[in-house]
Protein backbone atom coordinates (compact mmCIF):
# COMPACT_ATOMS: atom_id res chain seq x y z
CA UNK A 1 140.13 -17.38 5.29
CA UNK A 2 141.05 -19.02 1.93
CA UNK A 3 143.74 -21.33 3.23
CA UNK A 4 142.75 -24.50 5.08
CA UNK A 5 142.99 -24.49 8.87
CA UNK A 6 144.43 -27.54 10.67
CA UNK A 7 143.15 -27.71 14.30
CA UNK A 8 144.31 -29.98 16.96
CA UNK A 9 141.49 -30.32 19.66
CA UNK A 10 142.47 -32.01 22.91
CA UNK A 11 139.77 -33.02 25.43
CA UNK A 12 139.33 -36.07 27.57
CA UNK A 13 135.60 -36.26 26.57
CA UNK A 14 135.13 -37.63 23.07
CA UNK A 15 131.53 -36.31 22.90
CA UNK A 16 132.93 -32.76 23.25
CA UNK A 17 135.40 -33.38 20.60
CA UNK A 18 132.78 -34.68 18.15
CA UNK A 19 130.48 -31.69 18.78
CA UNK A 20 133.19 -29.06 18.40
CA UNK A 21 134.39 -30.65 15.19
CA UNK A 22 130.87 -30.39 13.74
CA UNK A 23 130.59 -26.71 14.67
CA UNK A 24 134.22 -25.93 13.26
CA UNK A 25 133.26 -27.64 9.92
CA UNK A 26 130.03 -25.56 9.71
CA UNK A 27 131.37 -22.22 10.86
CA UNK A 28 134.72 -22.26 8.95
CA UNK A 29 135.14 -22.39 5.26
CA UNK A 30 138.02 -24.99 5.08
CA UNK A 31 139.08 -26.75 8.30
CA UNK A 32 140.60 -30.15 9.27
CA UNK A 33 140.22 -31.11 12.89
CA UNK A 34 142.39 -33.71 14.60
CA UNK A 35 141.01 -34.94 17.97
CA UNK A 36 143.08 -36.28 20.86
CA UNK A 37 141.90 -37.31 24.29
CA UNK A 38 145.35 -37.57 25.89
CA UNK A 39 147.61 -34.45 26.26
CA UNK A 40 150.82 -36.65 26.03
CA UNK A 41 149.47 -38.26 22.80
CA UNK A 42 148.75 -34.71 21.54
CA UNK A 43 152.29 -33.68 22.28
CA UNK A 44 153.62 -36.54 20.29
CA UNK A 45 151.22 -35.70 17.40
CA UNK A 46 152.53 -32.16 17.45
CA UNK A 47 156.09 -33.53 17.12
CA UNK A 48 155.17 -35.31 13.96
CA UNK A 49 152.59 -33.01 12.35
CA UNK A 50 152.11 -29.30 11.93
CA UNK A 51 148.94 -27.45 13.05
CA UNK A 52 147.64 -23.89 12.72
CA UNK A 53 145.92 -23.81 16.21
CA UNK A 54 145.46 -25.89 19.44
CA UNK A 55 142.18 -25.97 21.24
CA UNK A 56 142.55 -27.56 24.65
CA UNK A 57 140.42 -28.54 27.67
CA UNK A 58 141.68 -27.53 31.14
CA UNK A 59 140.95 -30.36 33.51
CA UNK A 60 142.63 -33.42 31.94
CA UNK A 61 144.68 -36.32 33.21
CA UNK A 62 147.65 -36.66 33.36
CA UNK A 63 148.16 -32.85 33.07
CA UNK A 64 145.92 -29.79 32.98
CA UNK A 65 145.48 -27.44 30.02
CA UNK A 66 148.02 -24.84 31.28
CA UNK A 67 150.68 -27.56 31.85
CA UNK A 68 149.92 -28.77 28.38
CA UNK A 69 150.44 -25.14 27.11
CA UNK A 70 153.73 -24.85 28.94
CA UNK A 71 155.00 -28.14 27.57
CA UNK A 72 154.10 -26.87 24.07
CA UNK A 73 155.95 -23.62 24.48
CA UNK A 74 159.04 -25.36 25.85
CA UNK A 75 159.27 -26.98 22.43
CA UNK A 76 159.26 -23.49 20.95
CA UNK A 77 155.96 -23.95 19.25
CA UNK A 78 154.17 -20.62 19.17
CA UNK A 79 150.98 -21.49 17.32
CA UNK A 80 147.74 -20.05 18.58
CA UNK A 81 146.46 -21.82 21.77
CA UNK A 82 142.81 -21.45 22.91
CA UNK A 83 141.79 -22.81 26.32
CA UNK A 84 138.10 -24.24 26.08
CA UNK A 85 137.13 -25.59 29.44
CA UNK A 86 134.07 -26.44 31.49
CA UNK A 87 135.84 -25.61 34.74
CA UNK A 88 135.52 -21.94 34.39
CA UNK A 89 136.74 -19.53 37.07
CA UNK A 90 138.32 -16.18 37.17
CA UNK A 91 141.38 -17.62 38.82
CA UNK A 92 141.96 -20.09 35.85
CA UNK A 93 141.20 -17.35 33.31
CA UNK A 94 143.70 -15.00 34.97
CA UNK A 95 146.35 -17.72 35.02
CA UNK A 96 145.67 -18.56 31.33
CA UNK A 97 145.91 -15.06 30.13
CA UNK A 98 148.98 -14.39 32.18
CA UNK A 99 150.58 -17.47 30.70
CA UNK A 100 150.08 -16.06 27.24
CA UNK A 101 147.30 -18.22 25.84
CA UNK A 102 145.68 -16.79 22.69
CA UNK A 103 142.07 -17.18 24.01
CA UNK A 104 139.94 -18.51 26.88
CA UNK A 105 136.43 -19.74 26.65
CA UNK A 106 134.05 -21.61 29.04
CA UNK A 107 132.27 -24.54 27.47
CA UNK A 108 128.60 -23.91 26.59
CA UNK A 109 125.83 -24.17 24.01
CA UNK A 110 125.79 -23.51 20.24
CA UNK A 111 126.55 -19.80 20.59
CA UNK A 112 129.71 -20.45 22.68
CA UNK A 113 130.79 -23.07 20.06
CA UNK A 114 130.27 -20.47 17.21
CA UNK A 115 132.32 -17.93 19.25
CA UNK A 116 135.08 -20.54 19.68
CA UNK A 117 135.18 -21.22 15.90
CA UNK A 118 135.34 -17.57 15.11
CA UNK A 119 138.10 -17.11 17.56
CA UNK A 120 140.20 -19.88 16.16
CA UNK A 121 139.63 -18.36 12.69
CA UNK A 122 140.77 -15.01 13.91
CA UNK A 123 143.78 -16.19 15.80
CA UNK A 124 145.03 -18.29 12.82
CA UNK A 125 144.66 -15.31 10.55
CA UNK A 126 146.59 -13.04 12.96
CA UNK A 127 149.32 -15.69 13.40
CA UNK A 128 149.77 -16.14 9.71
CA UNK A 129 149.85 -12.43 9.16
CA UNK A 130 152.41 -12.05 11.90
CA UNK A 131 154.49 -14.82 10.40
CA UNK A 132 154.43 -13.22 6.98
CA UNK A 133 155.42 -9.94 8.49
CA UNK A 134 158.24 -11.34 10.54
CA UNK A 135 159.54 -13.16 7.41
CA UNK A 136 159.42 -10.06 5.26
CA UNK A 137 160.93 -8.05 8.06
CA UNK A 138 163.77 -10.48 8.38
CA UNK A 139 164.40 -10.31 4.55
CA UNK A 140 164.31 -6.47 4.71
CA UNK A 141 166.66 -6.23 7.50
CA UNK A 142 169.05 -8.82 5.80
CA UNK A 143 169.01 -6.70 2.68
CA UNK A 144 170.10 -3.64 4.55
CA UNK A 145 168.30 -1.23 2.23
CA UNK A 146 166.31 1.72 3.49
CA UNK A 147 162.62 0.86 3.47
CA UNK A 148 159.57 2.99 4.01
CA UNK A 149 155.83 2.82 4.15
CA UNK A 150 153.43 5.79 3.44
CA UNK A 151 149.85 5.35 4.28
CA UNK A 152 146.78 6.44 2.22
CA UNK A 153 146.91 9.91 3.93
CA UNK A 154 150.40 10.58 2.64
CA UNK A 155 152.40 10.26 5.87
CA UNK A 156 155.21 7.90 6.88
CA UNK A 157 153.90 5.00 8.95
CA UNK A 158 157.07 2.88 8.96
CA UNK A 159 160.75 3.36 8.23
CA UNK A 160 163.47 0.88 9.11
CA UNK A 161 166.83 1.69 10.71
CA UNK A 162 168.77 1.92 7.43
CA UNK A 163 166.29 4.55 6.18
CA UNK A 164 166.79 6.54 9.48
CA UNK A 165 170.63 6.28 9.10
CA UNK A 166 170.35 7.52 5.43
CA UNK A 167 168.39 10.61 6.36
CA UNK A 168 170.18 11.42 9.57
CA UNK A 169 166.86 11.59 11.60
CA UNK A 170 165.55 9.22 14.33
CA UNK A 171 162.78 6.91 13.23
CA UNK A 172 160.40 8.59 15.76
CA UNK A 173 161.13 12.00 13.92
CA UNK A 174 160.18 10.61 10.60
CA UNK A 175 157.03 8.62 11.47
CA UNK A 176 153.93 10.86 11.06
CA UNK A 177 155.76 13.29 8.71
CA UNK A 178 154.97 13.69 4.98
CA UNK A 179 157.63 12.78 2.37
CA UNK A 180 158.21 16.59 1.97
CA UNK A 181 160.18 16.19 5.26
CA UNK A 182 163.05 14.63 3.40
CA UNK A 183 162.37 15.73 -0.30
CA UNK A 184 161.95 18.92 -2.19
CA UNK A 185 158.60 19.77 -3.92
CA UNK A 186 159.71 18.47 -7.38
CA UNK A 187 160.68 15.10 -5.87
CA UNK A 188 157.37 14.87 -3.98
CA UNK A 189 155.50 15.57 -7.07
CA UNK A 190 157.55 12.99 -9.06
CA UNK A 191 156.68 10.27 -6.47
CA UNK A 192 152.95 11.15 -6.61
CA UNK A 193 152.99 10.97 -10.42
CA UNK A 194 154.75 7.62 -10.33
CA UNK A 195 152.33 6.23 -7.74
CA UNK A 196 149.45 7.34 -10.01
CA UNK A 197 150.73 5.16 -12.82
CA UNK A 198 151.02 2.27 -10.45
CA UNK A 199 147.38 2.67 -9.39
CA UNK A 200 146.08 3.06 -12.99
CA UNK A 201 144.63 0.04 -14.69
CA UNK A 202 147.36 -0.13 -17.39
CA UNK A 203 150.24 0.97 -15.21
CA UNK A 204 153.24 -1.03 -13.93
CA UNK A 205 153.19 -2.78 -10.48
CA UNK A 206 156.57 -1.17 -9.60
CA UNK A 207 158.21 2.13 -10.48
CA UNK A 208 161.80 2.75 -10.49
CA UNK A 209 163.05 6.40 -10.42
CA UNK A 210 165.80 8.70 -9.25
CA UNK A 211 165.27 10.97 -6.18
CA UNK A 212 167.49 13.19 -4.15
CA UNK A 213 166.90 12.64 -0.37
CA UNK A 214 167.47 15.86 1.70
CA UNK A 215 169.20 14.62 4.96
CA UNK A 216 169.23 16.24 8.34
CA UNK A 217 172.75 17.51 7.55
CA UNK A 218 174.86 17.78 4.39
CA UNK A 219 174.17 17.79 0.71
CA UNK A 220 171.24 15.94 -0.98
CA UNK A 221 171.90 12.18 -1.37
CA UNK A 222 171.18 10.78 -4.92
CA UNK A 223 169.02 7.60 -4.51
CA UNK A 224 166.96 5.22 -6.60
CA UNK A 225 163.47 4.59 -5.36
CA UNK A 226 161.71 1.25 -6.07
CA UNK A 227 158.00 1.98 -5.21
CA UNK A 228 154.92 -0.26 -5.11
CA UNK A 229 151.37 -0.06 -3.75
CA UNK A 230 150.52 -1.92 -0.50
CA UNK A 231 148.21 -4.84 -1.40
CA UNK A 232 144.58 -3.91 -0.89
CA UNK A 233 141.13 -5.35 -1.71
CA UNK A 234 138.53 -3.44 -3.72
CA UNK A 235 138.99 0.33 -4.27
CA UNK A 236 140.37 1.07 -0.80
CA UNK A 237 144.06 2.18 -1.38
CA UNK A 238 146.01 1.57 1.75
CA UNK A 239 149.33 3.25 0.93
CA UNK A 240 152.73 2.61 -0.75
CA UNK A 241 155.95 0.92 0.05
CA UNK A 242 159.44 1.65 -1.22
CA UNK A 243 162.99 0.69 -1.06
CA UNK A 244 165.73 3.34 -1.51
CA UNK A 245 169.29 2.65 -2.77
CA UNK A 246 172.07 5.24 -2.32
CA UNK A 247 173.54 5.67 -5.84
CA UNK A 248 176.12 8.40 -4.86
CA UNK A 249 179.06 6.11 -5.73
CA UNK A 250 177.32 4.88 -8.82
CA UNK A 251 176.64 8.60 -9.97
CA UNK A 252 180.26 9.43 -9.35
CA UNK A 253 181.47 6.42 -11.24
CA UNK A 254 179.04 7.26 -14.13
CA UNK A 255 180.15 10.88 -14.17
CA UNK A 256 183.80 9.79 -14.16
CA UNK A 257 183.14 7.31 -16.94
CA UNK A 258 181.35 10.10 -18.94
CA UNK A 259 184.24 12.40 -18.43
CA UNK A 260 186.77 9.79 -19.56
CA UNK A 261 184.67 8.83 -22.57
CA UNK A 262 184.36 12.53 -23.58
CA UNK A 263 188.15 12.87 -23.15
CA UNK A 264 188.65 9.79 -25.41
CA UNK A 265 186.17 11.10 -27.96
CA UNK A 266 187.53 14.50 -28.20
CA UNK A 267 191.25 13.77 -27.79
CA UNK A 268 193.48 15.55 -30.42
CA UNK A 269 194.93 12.18 -31.39
CA UNK A 270 193.26 9.11 -32.85
CA UNK A 271 192.39 6.49 -30.14
CA UNK A 272 191.43 2.90 -30.78
CA UNK A 273 190.66 0.05 -28.45
CA UNK A 274 190.74 -3.57 -29.68
CA UNK A 275 189.60 -6.83 -28.24
CA UNK A 276 192.16 -9.69 -28.48
CA UNK A 277 189.68 -12.19 -27.11
CA UNK A 278 187.73 -11.84 -30.25
CA UNK A 279 188.90 -13.38 -33.58
CA UNK A 280 191.57 -11.22 -35.35
CA UNK A 281 191.66 -8.66 -32.45
CA UNK A 282 189.09 -6.28 -34.01
CA UNK A 283 188.60 -2.64 -32.99
CA UNK A 284 185.68 -2.15 -30.60
CA UNK A 285 186.11 1.63 -30.17
CA UNK A 286 187.44 4.52 -32.30
CA UNK A 287 187.23 8.21 -31.42
CA UNK A 288 186.39 11.23 -33.60
CA UNK A 289 190.01 12.03 -34.41
CA UNK A 290 190.48 8.59 -35.85
CA UNK A 291 187.45 9.02 -37.97
CA UNK A 292 188.65 12.55 -39.19
CA UNK A 293 192.19 11.29 -39.62
CA UNK A 294 191.47 8.10 -41.72
CA UNK A 295 188.20 9.09 -43.48
CA UNK A 296 186.54 5.82 -42.24
CA UNK A 297 183.52 6.34 -40.06
CA UNK A 298 182.76 4.18 -36.89
CA UNK A 299 180.55 1.67 -38.68
CA UNK A 300 183.26 0.95 -41.17
CA UNK A 301 186.01 0.64 -38.40
CA UNK A 302 184.30 -1.23 -35.50
CA UNK A 303 184.58 -4.94 -35.79
CA UNK A 304 187.70 -5.01 -38.09
CA UNK A 305 191.45 -5.20 -37.54
CA UNK A 306 193.25 -1.87 -38.01
CA UNK A 307 195.61 -3.40 -40.60
CA UNK A 308 192.99 -2.13 -43.16
CA UNK A 309 194.89 1.11 -43.02
CA UNK A 310 197.98 -0.44 -44.53
CA UNK A 311 198.92 -0.34 -48.21
CA UNK A 312 201.50 -1.33 -50.81
CA UNK A 313 204.26 0.88 -49.35
CA UNK A 314 203.65 0.23 -45.74
CA UNK A 315 207.00 -0.95 -44.25
CA UNK A 316 206.67 -4.58 -43.24
CA UNK A 317 209.36 -4.20 -40.49
CA UNK A 318 207.26 -1.69 -38.54
CA UNK A 319 204.15 -3.90 -38.97
CA UNK A 320 206.14 -6.87 -37.56
CA UNK A 321 207.29 -4.79 -34.62
CA UNK A 322 203.61 -4.18 -33.73
CA UNK A 323 202.82 -7.97 -34.05
CA UNK A 324 205.82 -8.92 -31.88
CA UNK A 325 204.70 -6.42 -29.18
CA UNK A 326 201.25 -7.81 -29.11
CA UNK A 327 202.56 -11.40 -28.94
CA UNK A 328 204.74 -10.37 -25.95
CA UNK A 329 201.95 -8.30 -24.24
CA UNK A 330 204.37 -5.25 -24.37
CA UNK A 331 203.73 -1.64 -25.38
CA UNK A 332 205.56 -0.21 -28.48
CA UNK A 333 205.60 2.73 -30.84
CA UNK A 334 206.23 2.72 -34.60
CA UNK A 335 205.86 5.05 -37.54
CA UNK A 336 203.76 3.58 -40.49
CA UNK A 337 202.86 4.84 -43.91
CA UNK A 338 198.99 4.35 -43.90
CA UNK A 339 196.30 5.04 -46.39
CA UNK A 340 193.02 7.00 -45.95
CA UNK A 341 189.73 5.86 -47.26
CA UNK A 342 190.30 7.98 -50.31
CA UNK A 343 193.60 6.36 -51.01
CA UNK A 344 195.90 9.26 -50.00
CA UNK A 345 198.95 8.42 -47.95
CA UNK A 346 199.64 9.65 -44.46
CA UNK A 347 202.33 9.01 -41.93
CA UNK A 348 200.95 7.54 -38.71
CA UNK A 349 202.89 7.26 -35.42
CA UNK A 350 201.16 4.25 -33.71
CA UNK A 351 201.67 3.66 -30.13
CA UNK A 352 199.96 0.57 -28.53
CA UNK A 353 199.73 -0.68 -24.89
CA UNK A 354 198.01 -3.57 -23.26
CA UNK A 355 195.15 -3.20 -20.80
CA UNK A 356 195.11 -6.02 -18.06
CA UNK A 357 192.50 -7.17 -15.59
CA UNK A 358 193.20 -7.81 -11.92
CA UNK A 359 194.66 -11.19 -12.78
CA UNK A 360 197.09 -9.78 -15.27
CA UNK A 361 195.27 -11.10 -18.34
CA UNK A 362 195.35 -8.74 -21.27
CA UNK A 363 191.67 -7.94 -22.11
CA UNK A 364 192.16 -5.08 -24.58
CA UNK A 365 194.71 -3.14 -26.38
CA UNK A 366 194.61 0.71 -26.63
CA UNK A 367 196.12 2.43 -29.63
CA UNK A 368 197.08 6.09 -30.19
CA UNK A 369 197.30 7.27 -33.78
CA UNK A 370 199.06 10.51 -34.53
CA UNK A 371 199.19 12.03 -37.96
CA UNK A 372 202.82 13.04 -38.41
CA UNK A 373 202.71 13.58 -42.16
CA UNK A 374 203.65 17.33 -41.77
CA UNK A 375 206.48 16.30 -39.45
CA UNK A 376 207.84 13.68 -41.86
CA UNK A 377 207.61 16.26 -44.76
CA UNK A 378 209.58 18.77 -42.72
CA UNK A 379 212.04 16.03 -41.77
CA UNK A 380 212.54 15.22 -45.46
CA UNK A 381 212.86 18.88 -46.35
CA UNK A 382 215.46 19.31 -43.53
CA UNK A 383 217.39 16.37 -44.92
CA UNK A 384 217.34 17.86 -48.38
CA UNK A 385 218.44 21.26 -46.97
CA UNK A 386 221.27 19.73 -44.96
CA UNK A 387 222.44 17.97 -48.12
CA UNK A 388 222.37 21.19 -50.05
CA UNK A 389 224.30 22.82 -47.06
CA UNK A 390 226.88 20.07 -47.15
CA UNK A 391 227.19 20.39 -50.92
CA UNK A 392 227.40 24.18 -50.57
CA UNK A 393 230.06 23.93 -47.79
CA UNK A 394 232.04 21.55 -49.92
CA UNK A 395 232.00 23.92 -52.80
CA UNK A 396 232.92 26.96 -50.76
CA UNK A 397 235.64 24.98 -48.78
CA UNK A 398 237.29 23.43 -51.84
CA UNK A 399 236.22 25.06 -55.06
CA UNK A 400 236.29 28.62 -53.84
CA UNK A 401 238.93 28.49 -51.22
CA UNK A 402 241.52 26.87 -53.35
CA UNK A 403 241.61 29.59 -56.11
CA UNK A 404 241.27 32.26 -53.50
CA UNK A 405 244.44 30.91 -51.79
CA UNK A 406 246.09 30.91 -55.20
CA UNK A 407 245.10 34.50 -55.92
CA UNK A 408 246.34 35.57 -52.42
CA UNK A 409 249.69 33.87 -53.08
CA UNK A 410 250.14 35.42 -56.61
CA UNK A 411 249.24 38.90 -55.51
CA UNK A 412 251.69 38.66 -52.67
CA UNK A 413 254.42 37.66 -55.00
CA UNK A 414 253.48 40.41 -57.43
CA UNK A 415 253.55 42.92 -54.52
CA UNK A 416 257.12 41.92 -53.63
CA UNK A 417 258.23 42.46 -57.17
CA UNK A 418 256.12 45.58 -58.04
CA UNK A 419 256.69 49.25 -57.45
CA UNK A 420 252.90 49.82 -57.17
CA UNK A 421 252.45 48.18 -53.74
CA UNK A 422 249.46 50.45 -52.76
CA UNK A 423 247.21 48.91 -55.31
CA UNK A 424 248.36 45.36 -54.60
CA UNK A 425 247.75 45.95 -50.88
CA UNK A 426 244.13 46.92 -51.62
CA UNK A 427 243.88 43.69 -53.66
CA UNK A 428 245.21 41.64 -50.71
CA UNK A 429 242.77 43.29 -48.41
CA UNK A 430 239.88 42.51 -50.70
CA UNK A 431 240.99 38.88 -50.83
CA UNK A 432 241.32 38.69 -47.16
CA UNK A 433 237.76 39.97 -46.79
CA UNK A 434 236.68 37.27 -49.27
CA UNK A 435 238.44 34.61 -47.14
CA UNK A 436 236.61 35.96 -43.99
CA UNK A 437 233.28 35.61 -45.81
CA UNK A 438 234.14 32.05 -46.74
CA UNK A 439 235.13 31.22 -43.13
CA UNK A 440 231.97 32.71 -41.64
CA UNK A 441 229.73 31.09 -44.31
CA UNK A 442 231.22 27.67 -43.45
CA UNK A 443 230.65 28.42 -39.79
CA UNK A 444 226.97 29.35 -40.35
CA UNK A 445 226.38 26.22 -42.44
CA UNK A 446 228.23 23.70 -40.31
CA UNK A 447 228.21 24.97 -36.69
CA UNK A 448 225.14 27.07 -36.19
CA UNK A 449 222.33 24.62 -36.54
CA UNK A 450 223.19 22.07 -33.85
CA UNK A 451 224.98 21.87 -30.56
CA UNK A 452 226.95 19.09 -29.02
CA UNK A 453 226.28 17.41 -25.64
CA UNK A 454 225.33 20.28 -23.19
CA UNK A 455 227.06 20.67 -19.78
CA UNK A 456 226.97 23.08 -16.97
CA UNK A 457 229.36 25.85 -17.75
CA UNK A 458 230.40 29.02 -15.98
CA UNK A 459 229.02 31.99 -17.94
CA UNK A 460 231.67 34.53 -16.70
CA UNK A 461 234.51 32.13 -17.50
CA UNK A 462 233.24 31.49 -21.00
CA UNK A 463 232.83 35.30 -21.58
CA UNK A 464 236.29 36.06 -20.31
CA UNK A 465 237.83 33.28 -22.49
CA UNK A 466 235.90 34.60 -25.59
CA UNK A 467 237.23 38.06 -24.88
CA UNK A 468 240.77 36.74 -25.06
CA UNK A 469 240.32 35.37 -28.51
CA UNK A 470 238.86 38.56 -30.20
CA UNK A 471 240.86 41.51 -31.43
CA UNK A 472 239.38 44.08 -29.09
CA UNK A 473 241.97 46.79 -29.22
CA UNK A 474 241.51 49.15 -26.23
CA UNK A 475 237.96 47.99 -25.54
CA UNK A 476 236.94 47.24 -21.97
CA UNK A 477 234.93 44.25 -20.61
CA UNK A 478 232.83 44.14 -17.45
CA UNK A 479 231.33 40.62 -16.47
CA UNK A 480 228.65 40.92 -13.84
CA UNK A 481 227.36 37.26 -13.51
CA UNK A 482 227.96 34.17 -11.45
CA UNK A 483 225.34 32.17 -13.37
CA UNK A 484 225.93 28.59 -14.67
CA UNK A 485 224.20 27.54 -17.80
CA UNK A 486 223.47 24.32 -19.59
CA UNK A 487 225.26 24.65 -22.92
CA UNK A 488 227.72 23.45 -25.48
CA UNK A 489 230.84 25.35 -24.35
CA UNK A 490 232.31 25.70 -27.80
CA UNK A 491 229.05 27.03 -29.31
CA UNK A 492 228.55 29.35 -26.38
CA UNK A 493 232.11 30.74 -26.86
CA UNK A 494 231.35 31.33 -30.53
CA UNK A 495 228.19 33.29 -29.53
CA UNK A 496 230.11 35.53 -27.18
CA UNK A 497 232.96 35.98 -29.73
CA UNK A 498 230.53 37.12 -32.32
CA UNK A 499 228.72 39.55 -29.99
CA UNK A 500 231.98 41.06 -28.78
CA UNK A 501 233.40 41.35 -32.22
CA UNK A 502 230.25 43.02 -33.43
CA UNK A 503 230.49 45.58 -30.67
CA UNK A 504 234.04 46.51 -31.46
CA UNK A 505 233.30 46.64 -35.24
CA UNK A 506 230.24 48.87 -34.81
CA UNK A 507 231.26 51.08 -31.76
CA UNK A 508 235.00 51.37 -32.13
CA UNK A 509 238.01 49.96 -30.39
CA UNK A 510 237.46 52.00 -27.20
CA UNK A 511 233.96 50.60 -26.57
CA UNK A 512 232.87 49.39 -23.07
CA UNK A 513 231.11 45.95 -23.09
CA UNK A 514 229.10 44.62 -20.18
CA UNK A 515 227.87 41.01 -19.62
CA UNK A 516 225.09 40.64 -17.01
CA UNK A 517 222.17 38.46 -15.77
CA UNK A 518 218.57 38.42 -16.81
CA UNK A 519 215.88 36.50 -14.84
CA UNK A 520 215.88 33.77 -17.46
CA UNK A 521 219.18 34.39 -19.28
CA UNK A 522 221.89 36.89 -19.85
CA UNK A 523 222.73 40.01 -21.90
CA UNK A 524 225.65 41.63 -23.71
CA UNK A 525 225.52 45.43 -24.20
CA UNK A 526 227.87 48.17 -25.15
CA UNK A 527 228.07 51.96 -24.83
CA UNK A 528 228.24 52.68 -28.55
CA UNK A 529 225.98 54.56 -30.81
CA UNK A 530 223.25 51.88 -30.77
CA UNK A 531 221.48 50.04 -33.53
CA UNK A 532 220.89 51.68 -36.90
CA UNK A 533 217.20 51.93 -37.36
CA UNK A 534 217.62 51.13 -41.05
CA UNK A 535 218.77 47.61 -40.27
CA UNK A 536 216.92 46.99 -36.98
CA UNK A 537 214.27 44.76 -38.51
CA UNK A 538 216.74 42.62 -40.39
CA UNK A 539 219.53 42.65 -38.01
CA UNK A 540 219.98 38.85 -37.58
CA UNK A 541 219.89 38.15 -41.33
CA UNK A 542 223.22 37.18 -43.00
CA UNK A 543 225.12 40.15 -44.46
CA UNK A 544 222.73 42.72 -43.04
CA UNK A 545 224.56 43.80 -39.90
CA UNK A 546 227.99 44.21 -41.52
CA UNK A 547 229.94 47.42 -41.12
CA UNK A 548 232.56 48.54 -43.48
CA UNK A 549 235.16 45.89 -43.88
CA UNK A 550 233.04 43.04 -42.10
CA UNK A 551 231.08 40.16 -43.36
CA UNK A 552 227.73 40.74 -41.65
CA UNK A 553 227.48 37.07 -40.67
CA UNK A 554 228.23 37.41 -36.90
CA UNK A 555 224.69 38.12 -35.61
CA UNK A 556 223.22 35.49 -37.92
CA UNK A 557 225.51 32.87 -36.32
CA UNK A 558 224.47 34.29 -32.87
CA UNK A 559 220.95 33.68 -33.67
CA UNK A 560 221.60 30.18 -34.95
CA UNK A 561 223.55 29.08 -31.89
CA UNK A 562 220.89 30.53 -29.53
CA UNK A 563 218.12 28.74 -31.43
CA UNK A 564 219.99 25.41 -31.44
CA UNK A 565 220.19 25.65 -27.62
CA UNK A 566 216.45 26.34 -27.39
CA UNK A 567 217.04 30.02 -26.51
CA UNK A 568 215.84 33.29 -28.02
CA UNK A 569 217.94 36.34 -28.68
CA UNK A 570 216.64 39.84 -29.25
CA UNK A 571 218.26 43.22 -29.92
CA UNK A 572 217.37 46.35 -27.94
CA UNK A 573 218.86 49.58 -26.48
CA UNK A 574 221.40 49.37 -23.54
CA UNK A 575 221.47 51.48 -20.45
CA UNK A 576 223.92 53.93 -22.10
CA UNK A 577 222.16 54.02 -25.36
CA UNK A 578 224.33 51.43 -27.07
CA UNK A 579 223.30 48.02 -28.56
CA UNK A 580 222.00 45.38 -26.14
CA UNK A 581 221.48 41.74 -26.92
CA UNK A 582 219.35 39.73 -24.66
CA UNK A 583 219.43 35.87 -24.62
CA UNK A 584 216.41 34.33 -22.82
CA UNK A 585 214.92 30.89 -22.09
CA UNK A 586 218.25 29.63 -20.78
CA UNK A 587 217.93 26.10 -19.24
CA UNK A 588 214.12 26.22 -19.98
CA UNK A 589 214.23 23.95 -22.98
CA UNK A 590 216.25 21.04 -24.19
CA UNK A 591 219.04 21.90 -26.75
CA UNK A 592 218.85 20.32 -30.17
CA UNK A 593 221.81 17.97 -30.12
CA UNK A 594 223.54 15.95 -32.92
């Protein structure tokens, strides 16, 4: 053995002690012998010093060798104990071995002393090996990881209880099996290849690799194997040892993280993450859409504050709103005029929100960047259009209506004084038609585009009320609905009035009109001649659906009112061959309010 051996030799005969010490020193490579003639003094020495082995005589005053051994064990000292006595007998040998001594020798000549020295050497080596094994076993069990040992023949020689629990087999079922018992062929080959690199001259001492363990029941368990070769001397390989770690949760978290990262990278809006704990709160992540939207690649964006997108016309109030939200650790959303790398402007809807840790400390900010340039352009175009409509309505209402009213008044006076009333009546009818066109044009410009605050209204009641305000002659109305709809009552009444007036104008004063339910809306149909194919494709365009003496604005207003509510309207053929108008999407979308 390479380590020194400390031996305590107890014998009441000093000459025996001296002789044994000489043989110990000659037979053993490194040994230190402490001699005591009194067992009680030896016990005191054992209390103060540590020894690797005790050699004791049997027949000693004031106690014999077995009593000395029992006193030693009572102190929980389990070092090797060899009884070396001149009073040899089968009875004493039997008592000694039953008591648990390590060895028993009768005193004798040089050969017996050599045997004693060799037994001490062997006992100490076994004891030290056992101590190391117990120490490592305690560590392994404390770690709680599955541990295995595969010998040089490729079979399991040891597995601990956590290993058995992982696989779902008893330890006895695994011992003696090959690794193929709990792995597929590919995993077995992987382990063999890894072991080969460990055994090579230039390979690592330990290999770390993933492996799927096939349990007794259930799906394969993803693990990480930490493998090493068992220590051995010379060229005699004695096997391998490994520790497994179940990485199921780790794999799930990694897959979840990869999914979330892909979602961020491929999101249709720009996403940035900043680190407020670093100076100037720089960006630490930008996704693909941000790069595409701004023209700045990741290398140019990471590590700098996102204010580099601002320019001379960026509104300071919106920027200050962002600063105030960050100072208050609160989310916010603003619209900014930003600048791409090439200098072109774009409108950016920026929404930011804080990310906090378990203690509530803000560790990062996440920002969502949406290019709303097209929306802002449409918004500006709509504002210009509304301005033109207001101007148009003002011209029609004032500049056209006033001279029209004057013309009507003058013709009426001329008619009262003229003998040619028929021609003047025709002129009055034409002026009345012009006034109707003015009224419907104003309605289309001012009332069709938006609706007021919607409310639940009774569809049948609104239809009946609309019928009472329209000149329907001898036409008949049938209402077959109990539906309530979310709508602006006034606009909905205008829709029905125009559909009913359209039916009377096109199908005659004796037409029958029916109002009924659809699965997602309602319909209005008549029993007239139906829709003229010549105007079917342009039915809802202003002026296209007009019959003789009408304006042709009615169905255009119907479509505008339906669209403003978020509905759709379509013309088809009714059950009796007449015109049928179907309004769908009712209560499915939010109306566009003022």
